[in-house]
Structures are given as structure tokens and as C-alpha cells.
Amino acid sequence: GLGVAIFAVPILVVIQVMSGLFWGGATVYKLLNGSGFEAMDEV
């Protein structure tokens, strides 16, 4: 029981962190892609 929990909890935490970084990066990318980069491409 405890061994599995000690092994599983860090994995769940890592998955949550990676998911958060992925969605945060995707959101920033969309924001930059929608405004800043398009304006730079036009110039």
C-alpha cells in the first residue's frame, strides 16, 4: 500500500506539472501567435 503510494504520488505530481506547463506554453504561444508574431511578419 504505502510503497505504491510513495511511488505513484510523485508521478501524479509530475504529470500535473507537465500538463500545466504544456497548457501554459500553448496559451502563451497562441497569444503571441495571434498578436505579436503576425504584426512582425507584416513588417
PDB file of N, CA and C in Angstrom:
ATOM      1  N   GLY A   1       0.830  -1.220   0.000  1.00  0.00           N
ATOM      2  CA  GLY A   1       0.000   0.000   0.000  1.00  0.00           C
ATOM      3  C   GLY A   1       0.855   1.257   0.000  1.00  0.00           C
ATOM      4  N   LEU A   2       1.644   1.421   1.074  1.00  0.00           N
ATOM      5  CA  LEU A   2       2.446   2.645   1.174  1.00  0.00           C
ATOM      6  C   LEU A   2       3.464   2.739   0.043  1.00  0.00           C
ATOM      7  N   GLY A   3       4.088   1.605  -0.288  1.00  0.00           N
ATOM      8  CA  GLY A   3       5.087   1.629  -1.355  1.00  0.00           C
ATOM      9  C   GLY A   3       4.507   2.135  -2.660  1.00  0.00           C
ATOM     10  N   VAL A   4       3.302   1.682  -2.974  1.00  0.00           N
ATOM     11  CA  VAL A   4       2.654   2.110  -4.215  1.00  0.00           C
ATOM     12  C   VAL A   4       2.333   3.597  -4.158  1.00  0.00           C
ATOM     13  N   ALA A   5       1.849   4.063  -3.000  1.00  0.00           N
ATOM     14  CA  ALA A   5       1.502   5.478  -2.853  1.00  0.00           C
ATOM     15  C   ALA A   5       2.744   6.355  -3.007  1.00  0.00           C
ATOM     16  N   ILE A   6       3.835   5.952  -2.328  1.00  0.00           N
ATOM     17  CA  ILE A   6       5.084   6.721  -2.408  1.00  0.00           C
ATOM     18  C   ILE A   6       5.595   6.755  -3.845  1.00  0.00           C
ATOM     19  N   PHE A   7       5.337   5.691  -4.596  1.00  0.00           N
ATOM     20  CA  PHE A   7       5.794   5.624  -5.981  1.00  0.00           C
ATOM     21  C   PHE A   7       4.862   6.398  -6.908  1.00  0.00           C
ATOM     22  N   ALA A   8       3.558   6.392  -6.602  1.00  0.00           N
ATOM     23  CA  ALA A   8       2.569   6.958  -7.521  1.00  0.00           C
ATOM     24  C   ALA A   8       2.435   8.470  -7.365  1.00  0.00           C
ATOM     25  N   VAL A   9       2.517   8.961  -6.132  1.00  0.00           N
ATOM     26  CA  VAL A   9       2.265  10.386  -5.886  1.00  0.00           C
ATOM     27  C   VAL A   9       3.220  11.292  -6.671  1.00  0.00           C
ATOM     28  N   PRO A  10       4.547  11.062  -6.637  1.00  0.00           N
ATOM     29  CA  PRO A  10       5.443  11.920  -7.422  1.00  0.00           C
ATOM     30  C   PRO A  10       5.134  11.872  -8.917  1.00  0.00           C
ATOM     31  N   ILE A  11       4.725  10.705  -9.416  1.00  0.00           N
ATOM     32  CA  ILE A  11       4.390  10.589 -10.834  1.00  0.00           C
ATOM     33  C   ILE A  11       3.173  11.450 -11.150  1.00  0.00           C
ATOM     34  N   LEU A  12       2.163  11.398 -10.288  1.00  0.00           N
ATOM     35  CA  LEU A  12       0.972  12.224 -10.493  1.00  0.00           C
ATOM     36  C   LEU A  12       1.335  13.707 -10.446  1.00  0.00           C
ATOM     37  N   VAL A  13       2.217  14.070  -9.517  1.00  0.00           N
ATOM     38  CA  VAL A  13       2.641  15.471  -9.407  1.00  0.00           C
ATOM     39  C   VAL A  13       3.358  15.901 -10.683  1.00  0.00           C
ATOM     40  N   VAL A  14       4.258  15.047 -11.172  1.00  0.00           N
ATOM     41  CA  VAL A  14       4.995  15.367 -12.402  1.00  0.00           C
ATOM     42  C   VAL A  14       4.029  15.527 -13.569  1.00  0.00           C
ATOM     43  N   ILE A  15       3.047  14.633 -13.662  1.00  0.00           N
ATOM     44  CA  ILE A  15       2.064  14.721 -14.745  1.00  0.00           C
ATOM     45  C   ILE A  15       1.299  16.042 -14.657  1.00  0.00           C
ATOM     46  N   GLN A  16       0.900  16.417 -13.440  1.00  0.00           N
ATOM     47  CA  GLN A  16       0.173  17.672 -13.258  1.00  0.00           C
ATOM     48  C   GLN A  16       1.042  18.862 -13.675  1.00  0.00           C
ATOM     49  N   VAL A  17       2.318  18.854 -13.256  1.00  0.00           N
ATOM     50  CA  VAL A  17       3.222  19.963 -13.584  1.00  0.00           C
ATOM     51  C   VAL A  17       3.443  20.044 -15.092  1.00  0.00           C
ATOM     52  N   MET A  18       3.701  18.889 -15.715  1.00  0.00           N
ATOM     53  CA  MET A  18       3.921  18.871 -17.158  1.00  0.00           C
ATOM     54  C   MET A  18       2.682  19.350 -17.901  1.00  0.00           C
ATOM     55  N   SER A  19       1.512  18.917 -17.446  1.00  0.00           N
ATOM     56  CA  SER A  19       0.262  19.341 -18.066  1.00  0.00           C
ATOM     57  C   SER A  19       0.097  20.851 -17.924  1.00  0.00           C
ATOM     58  N   GLY A  20       0.398  21.376 -16.739  1.00  0.00           N
ATOM     59  CA  GLY A  20       0.290  22.813 -16.518  1.00  0.00           C
ATOM     60  C   GLY A  20       1.250  23.590 -17.411  1.00  0.00           C
ATOM     61  N   LEU A  21       2.493  23.106 -17.517  1.00  0.00           N
ATOM     62  CA  LEU A  21       3.467  23.768 -18.379  1.00  0.00           C
ATOM     63  C   LEU A  21       3.019  23.711 -19.832  1.00  0.00           C
ATOM     64  N   PHE A  22       2.473  22.557 -20.248  1.00  0.00           N
ATOM     65  CA  PHE A  22       2.037  22.396 -21.631  1.00  0.00           C
ATOM     66  C   PHE A  22       0.922  23.382 -21.957  1.00  0.00           C
ATOM     67  N   TRP A  23      -0.103  23.430 -21.111  1.00  0.00           N
ATOM     68  CA  TRP A  23      -1.238  24.319 -21.392  1.00  0.00           C
ATOM     69  C   TRP A  23      -0.827  25.782 -21.254  1.00  0.00           C
ATOM     70  N   GLY A  24       0.044  26.089 -20.267  1.00  0.00           N
ATOM     71  CA  GLY A  24       0.535  27.458 -20.136  1.00  0.00           C
ATOM     72  C   GLY A  24       1.334  27.871 -21.366  1.00  0.00           C
ATOM     73  N   GLY A  25       2.217  26.980 -21.825  1.00  0.00           N
ATOM     74  CA  GLY A  25       3.005  27.269 -23.025  1.00  0.00           C
ATOM     75  C   GLY A  25       2.129  27.394 -24.253  1.00  0.00           C
ATOM     76  N   ALA A  26       1.115  26.539 -24.367  1.00  0.00           N
ATOM     77  CA  ALA A  26       0.213  26.595 -25.513  1.00  0.00           C
ATOM     78  C   ALA A  26      -0.566  27.900 -25.507  1.00  0.00           C
ATOM     79  N   THR A  27      -0.990  28.339 -24.322  1.00  0.00           N
ATOM     80  CA  THR A  27      -1.744  29.591 -24.220  1.00  0.00           C
ATOM     81  C   THR A  27      -0.866  30.775 -24.607  1.00  0.00           C
ATOM     82  N   VAL A  28       0.358  30.815 -24.078  1.00  0.00           N
ATOM     83  CA  VAL A  28       1.284  31.899 -24.410  1.00  0.00           C
ATOM     84  C   VAL A  28       1.584  31.891 -25.905  1.00  0.00           C
ATOM     85  N   TYR A  29       1.793  30.693 -26.458  1.00  0.00           N
ATOM     86  CA  TYR A  29       2.090  30.575 -27.886  1.00  0.00           C
ATOM     87  C   TYR A  29       0.940  31.123 -28.717  1.00  0.00           C
ATOM     88  N   LYS A  30      -0.298  30.777 -28.345  1.00  0.00           N
ATOM     89  CA  LYS A  30      -1.461  31.268 -29.085  1.00  0.00           C
ATOM     90  C   LYS A  30      -1.563  32.783 -28.987  1.00  0.00           C
ATOM     91  N   LEU A  31      -1.313  33.327 -27.783  1.00  0.00           N
ATOM     92  CA  LEU A  31      -1.395  34.775 -27.598  1.00  0.00           C
ATOM     93  C   LEU A  31      -0.340  35.474 -28.455  1.00  0.00           C
ATOM     94  N   LEU A  32       0.901  34.976 -28.408  1.00  0.00           N
ATOM     95  CA  LEU A  32       1.966  35.582 -29.203  1.00  0.00           C
ATOM     96  C   LEU A  32       1.694  35.399 -30.692  1.00  0.00           C
ATOM     97  N   ASN A  33       1.234  34.195 -31.058  1.00  0.00           N
ATOM     98  CA  ASN A  33       0.978  33.895 -32.454  1.00  0.00           C
ATOM     99  C   ASN A  33      -0.159  34.756 -32.989  1.00  0.00           C
ATOM    100  N   GLY A  34      -1.142  35.081 -32.126  1.00  0.00           N
ATOM    101  CA  GLY A  34      -2.310  35.847 -32.553  1.00  0.00           C
ATOM    102  C   GLY A  34      -2.011  37.329 -32.691  1.00  0.00           C
ATOM    103  N   SER A  35      -1.060  37.870 -31.905  1.00  0.00           N
ATOM    104  CA  SER A  35      -0.845  39.310 -31.904  1.00  0.00           C
ATOM    105  C   SER A  35       0.565  39.675 -32.370  1.00  0.00           C
ATOM    106  N   GLY A  36       1.572  39.358 -31.552  1.00  0.00           N
ATOM    107  CA  GLY A  36       2.932  39.843 -31.790  1.00  0.00           C
ATOM    108  C   GLY A  36       3.548  39.344 -33.074  1.00  0.00           C
ATOM    109  N   PHE A  37       3.525  38.021 -33.292  1.00  0.00           N
ATOM    110  CA  PHE A  37       4.251  37.464 -34.427  1.00  0.00           C
ATOM    111  C   PHE A  37       3.615  37.878 -35.748  1.00  0.00           C
ATOM    112  N   GLU A  38       2.291  37.957 -35.802  1.00  0.00           N
ATOM    113  CA  GLU A  38       1.629  38.369 -37.041  1.00  0.00           C
ATOM    114  C   GLU A  38       2.042  39.788 -37.412  1.00  0.00           C
ATOM    115  N   ALA A  39       2.079  40.668 -36.423  1.00  0.00           N
ATOM    116  CA  ALA A  39       2.477  42.048 -36.677  1.00  0.00           C
ATOM    117  C   ALA A  39       3.918  42.095 -37.188  1.00  0.00           C
ATOM    118  N   MET A  40       4.792  41.269 -36.606  1.00  0.00           N
ATOM    119  CA  MET A  40       6.183  41.237 -37.038  1.00  0.00           C
ATOM    120  C   MET A  40       6.293  40.697 -38.465  1.00  0.00           C
ATOM    121  N   ASP A  41       5.468  39.715 -38.799  1.00  0.00           N
ATOM    122  CA  ASP A  41       5.513  39.146 -40.145  1.00  0.00           C
ATOM    123  C   ASP A  41       5.075  40.176 -41.178  1.00  0.00           C
ATOM    124  N   GLU A  42       4.103  41.020 -40.823  1.00  0.00           N
ATOM    125  CA  GLU A  42       3.614  42.020 -41.768  1.00  0.00           C
ATOM    126  C   GLU A  42       4.693  43.046 -42.074  1.00  0.00           C
ATOM    127  N   VAL A  43       5.525  43.335 -41.066  1.00  0.00           N
ATOM    128  CA  VAL A  43       6.615  44.285 -41.285  1.00  0.00           C
ATOM    129  C   VAL A  43       7.700  43.581 -42.082  1.00  0.00           C
TER     130      VAL A  43
END
